[in-house]
Amino acid sequence: MKTKLLLLAIVIIVLIPEVSLAHFSGGEGRGDNLHSILNAPPSNFFLADNGVTVMCPDAQVGETGTVIINGNPVEFTKRDRAGLEMLRATDNNAAFATTCTSGV
């Protein structure tokens, strides 16, 4: 089991160069977070082919998901028009940066 996990971690590092084990180490470099991420269900949030746009076509409105951007985990929320209007009304401009509106 440990061998399979190590091989999977190596594949991730090779195929996704902006991700490193340093981002996943859970205290004392045990890799606890890496194990959690590898066993987590697939995310409904992902980067589009252009490497910039965050997509969430299968997420429900209000659902959140984490996307790795430049090696850092960033949490996004799917919002509909009402959610966007609420952000605007409350002057919560920072939340627009982590909003996904795919299919809305």
Protein backbone atom coordinates (compact mmCIF):
# COMPACT_ATOMS: atom_id res chain seq x y z
CA MET A 1 0.00 0.00 0.00
CA LYS A 2 2.79 2.44 0.91
CA THR A 3 4.55 1.63 -2.36
CA LYS A 4 1.42 2.36 -4.39
CA LEU A 5 0.89 5.64 -2.56
CA LEU A 6 4.50 6.65 -3.13
CA LEU A 7 4.27 5.82 -6.84
CA LEU A 8 1.06 7.82 -7.13
CA ALA A 9 2.69 10.78 -5.39
CA ILE A 10 5.62 10.60 -7.81
CA VAL A 11 3.24 10.53 -10.79
CA ILE A 12 1.42 13.59 -9.44
CA ILE A 13 4.68 15.48 -8.99
CA VAL A 14 5.85 14.59 -12.50
CA LEU A 15 2.56 15.28 -14.26
CA ILE A 16 1.60 18.38 -12.28
CA PRO A 17 4.83 20.35 -11.80
CA GLU A 18 3.25 23.21 -9.85
CA VAL A 19 2.24 20.77 -7.09
CA SER A 20 4.84 19.52 -4.67
CA LEU A 21 4.76 17.38 -1.56
CA ALA A 22 5.59 20.49 0.46
CA HIS A 23 2.02 21.63 -0.14
CA PHE A 24 0.61 18.39 1.20
CA SER A 25 2.85 17.53 4.13
CA GLY A 26 0.94 17.19 7.34
CA GLY A 27 3.21 18.06 10.23
CA GLU A 28 6.70 16.58 10.37
CA GLY A 29 6.46 15.74 6.66
CA ARG A 30 4.26 12.69 7.18
CA GLY A 31 2.18 13.40 4.08
CA ASP A 32 -1.12 13.03 5.97
CA ASN A 33 -2.75 15.68 3.81
CA LEU A 34 -1.47 14.02 0.63
CA HIS A 35 -3.21 10.82 1.69
CA SER A 36 -6.44 12.76 2.32
CA ILE A 37 -6.27 14.49 -1.05
CA LEU A 38 -5.54 11.27 -2.94
CA ASN A 39 -8.50 9.56 -1.28
CA ALA A 40 -10.87 12.51 -1.61
CA PRO A 41 -13.79 12.27 -4.02
CA PRO A 42 -13.28 14.01 -7.37
CA SER A 43 -13.87 17.75 -7.19
CA ASN A 44 -16.58 19.49 -9.16
CA PHE A 45 -14.16 22.41 -9.54
CA PHE A 46 -11.22 22.38 -11.97
CA LEU A 47 -9.10 24.59 -14.20
CA ALA A 48 -10.19 24.92 -17.80
CA ASP A 49 -7.77 24.06 -20.61
CA ASN A 50 -6.61 27.69 -20.71
CA GLY A 51 -5.14 27.20 -17.21
CA VAL A 52 -6.86 30.34 -15.91
CA THR A 53 -10.62 29.85 -15.79
CA VAL A 54 -12.09 27.79 -12.95
CA MET A 55 -14.94 25.58 -14.13
CA CYS A 56 -17.71 24.00 -12.02
CA PRO A 57 -20.41 22.72 -14.40
CA ASP A 58 -21.46 19.80 -12.18
CA ALA A 59 -21.41 21.68 -8.86
CA GLN A 60 -24.61 22.81 -7.16
CA VAL A 61 -25.13 26.50 -6.38
CA GLY A 62 -23.54 27.14 -2.98
CA GLU A 63 -21.14 24.19 -3.29
CA THR A 64 -17.46 24.87 -2.61
CA GLY A 65 -14.37 23.21 -4.00
CA THR A 66 -10.63 23.66 -3.90
CA VAL A 67 -8.47 24.20 -6.97
CA ILE A 68 -4.66 24.28 -6.89
CA ILE A 69 -3.50 27.54 -8.48
CA ASN A 70 0.23 28.25 -8.73
CA GLY A 71 0.80 25.55 -6.12
CA ASN A 72 -1.66 27.03 -3.64
CA PRO A 73 -5.08 25.63 -2.72
CA VAL A 74 -7.84 28.18 -3.40
CA GLU A 75 -11.43 27.56 -2.35
CA PHE A 76 -14.13 28.55 -4.85
CA THR A 77 -17.90 28.80 -4.43
CA LYS A 78 -20.48 28.29 -7.17
CA ARG A 79 -22.88 31.22 -7.19
CA ASP A 80 -25.95 32.05 -9.25
CA ARG A 81 -27.22 35.49 -10.22
CA ALA A 82 -28.84 36.02 -6.80
CA GLY A 83 -25.56 35.13 -5.09
CA LEU A 84 -23.66 37.57 -7.28
CA GLU A 85 -26.18 40.31 -6.58
CA MET A 86 -25.86 39.65 -2.84
CA LEU A 87 -22.07 40.02 -3.08
CA ARG A 88 -22.50 43.29 -4.92
CA ALA A 89 -25.11 44.60 -2.47
CA THR A 90 -22.88 43.81 0.51
CA ASP A 91 -19.81 45.24 -1.24
CA ASN A 92 -18.03 41.88 -0.88
CA ASN A 93 -15.79 42.39 -3.89
CA ALA A 94 -13.10 39.99 -2.68
CA ALA A 95 -15.52 37.03 -2.96
CA PHE A 96 -15.97 37.67 -6.69
CA ALA A 97 -12.39 36.44 -7.22
CA THR A 98 -13.29 32.99 -5.87
CA THR A 99 -16.70 32.69 -7.51
CA CYS A 100 -17.54 30.12 -10.18
CA THR A 101 -20.58 30.62 -12.39
CA SER A 102 -20.36 27.73 -14.88
CA GLY A 103 -23.79 26.86 -16.27
CA VAL A 104 -25.57 29.62 -14.37
